[in-house]
Amino acid sequence: DYPKPQISAHPKTAVALRGTNVTLNCSAFSSSDSPMSTAWRKDGEVLYEAQVQNYARYQDHRLLYTTVLHLLNVNFTDEGQYQCVISNHFGSNYSTLAKLTVNG
C-alpha cells in the first residue's frame, strides 16, 4: 500500500541547443484516491510560471500521475538542475535532479 506518491519515472538530464524546446517528464503512482499535485523546481526554487501539463489515469487499481514540463525556446538562463515534486495529503516525494545544459 503506497498512499504517498511514489516516483516511478524521473526527469532525464538533457542537452539542448539554444532556441529549441525541451520537455521533462516525471511520473508517480499512489494506491490512494487522494488527488495528486505537482510542482517543478529549478535549482531548488519553485517554477511558478512554468508551462506544465498534468495527466492522471488509473492503471492496475492505482492512480498514475504524469507531469510534463515544457521549456520553450531555451536560453542559457534555463540551464540548471530540474526536479519534480509530487504531493498528496499523505506526503510528498521528490524526483532525482535532471541537469539541463544549453549549447549555443
Protein backbone atom coordinates (compact mmCIF):
# COMPACT_ATOMS: atom_id res chain seq x y z
CA ASP A 1 0.00 0.00 0.00
CA TYR A 2 1.56 3.28 -1.12
CA PRO A 3 -0.78 6.16 -0.28
CA LYS A 4 2.11 8.65 -0.53
CA PRO A 5 3.13 9.29 -4.17
CA GLN A 6 5.95 7.00 -5.32
CA ILE A 7 8.01 8.38 -8.20
CA SER A 8 8.15 5.81 -10.98
CA ALA A 9 9.82 7.85 -13.74
CA HIS A 10 12.33 10.59 -13.08
CA PRO A 11 13.13 13.51 -15.41
CA LYS A 12 16.19 12.85 -17.54
CA THR A 13 19.29 15.01 -17.89
CA ALA A 14 19.24 16.82 -21.24
CA VAL A 15 21.45 18.84 -23.54
CA ALA A 16 19.63 21.27 -25.81
CA LEU A 17 20.53 23.77 -28.47
CA ARG A 18 19.69 27.37 -27.66
CA GLY A 19 16.31 28.29 -29.15
CA THR A 20 14.90 24.76 -29.14
CA ASN A 21 12.15 23.31 -26.95
CA VAL A 22 12.78 20.84 -24.14
CA THR A 23 10.28 18.64 -22.30
CA LEU A 24 10.96 16.99 -18.97
CA ASN A 25 8.71 14.17 -17.75
CA CYS A 26 8.04 12.84 -14.29
CA SER A 27 5.56 10.16 -13.15
CA ALA A 28 4.32 8.83 -9.84
CA PHE A 29 1.73 6.38 -8.58
CA SER A 30 -0.35 6.09 -5.45
CA SER A 31 -2.67 3.46 -4.00
CA SER A 32 -4.85 6.27 -2.64
CA ASP A 33 -7.56 8.20 -4.48
CA SER A 34 -6.24 11.38 -2.89
CA PRO A 35 -5.68 13.93 -5.68
CA MET A 36 -2.03 14.50 -6.53
CA SER A 37 -0.49 17.86 -7.24
CA THR A 38 2.83 18.71 -8.76
CA ALA A 39 5.49 21.37 -8.64
CA TRP A 40 8.64 21.73 -10.72
CA ARG A 41 11.76 23.22 -9.20
CA LYS A 42 14.87 24.65 -10.82
CA ASP A 43 17.96 24.87 -8.64
CA GLY A 44 15.71 24.44 -5.60
CA GLU A 45 13.28 27.26 -6.49
CA VAL A 46 9.67 26.52 -7.44
CA LEU A 47 8.84 27.46 -11.05
CA TYR A 48 5.55 29.33 -10.75
CA GLU A 49 5.30 30.49 -14.36
CA ALA A 50 6.17 27.13 -15.89
CA GLN A 51 4.20 25.60 -18.74
CA VAL A 52 3.12 22.27 -17.31
CA GLN A 53 0.71 19.57 -18.45
CA ASN A 54 -0.56 17.01 -15.95
CA TYR A 55 -2.21 13.68 -16.68
CA ALA A 56 -3.88 11.30 -14.25
CA ARG A 57 -5.19 7.82 -15.05
CA TYR A 58 -5.96 4.57 -13.31
CA GLN A 59 -3.82 1.53 -14.02
CA ASP A 60 -3.85 -1.72 -12.04
CA HIS A 61 -6.06 -0.14 -9.37
CA ARG A 62 -3.52 2.60 -8.78
CA LEU A 63 -3.63 6.27 -9.63
CA LEU A 64 -0.84 7.02 -12.10
CA TYR A 65 0.11 10.66 -12.44
CA THR A 66 2.40 12.19 -15.05
CA THR A 67 3.62 15.77 -15.21
CA VAL A 68 5.36 17.28 -18.24
CA LEU A 69 7.38 20.49 -18.05
CA HIS A 70 7.66 22.39 -21.34
CA LEU A 71 10.65 24.69 -21.69
CA LEU A 72 10.18 26.74 -24.85
CA ASN A 73 12.90 28.50 -26.80
CA VAL A 74 15.53 27.67 -24.18
CA ASN A 75 18.36 30.04 -23.42
CA PHE A 76 21.45 29.90 -21.23
CA THR A 77 19.35 31.20 -18.31
CA ASP A 78 17.36 27.94 -18.45
CA GLU A 79 20.41 25.88 -17.54
CA GLY A 80 20.22 24.25 -14.16
CA GLN A 81 19.04 21.32 -12.07
CA TYR A 82 15.36 20.49 -12.51
CA GLN A 83 13.27 18.38 -10.16
CA CYS A 84 9.63 17.49 -9.84
CA VAL A 85 7.76 17.25 -6.55
CA ILE A 86 4.57 15.20 -6.49
CA SER A 87 2.32 15.50 -3.44
CA ASN A 88 -0.98 14.37 -1.99
CA HIS A 89 -2.31 14.72 1.52
CA PHE A 90 -0.22 11.71 2.64
CA GLY A 91 3.03 13.49 1.76
CA SER A 92 5.44 14.47 -0.99
CA ASN A 93 8.15 12.78 -2.98
CA TYR A 94 10.98 14.41 -4.90
CA SER A 95 12.45 13.16 -8.15
CA THR A 96 16.15 12.93 -8.77
CA LEU A 97 17.74 16.02 -10.29
CA ALA A 98 17.87 16.38 -14.07
CA LYS A 99 20.54 18.73 -15.35
CA LEU A 100 19.74 20.86 -18.38
CA THR A 101 22.68 22.15 -20.39
CA VAL A 102 22.09 24.67 -23.19
CA ASN A 103 24.59 24.93 -26.01
CA GLY A 104 24.82 27.94 -28.32
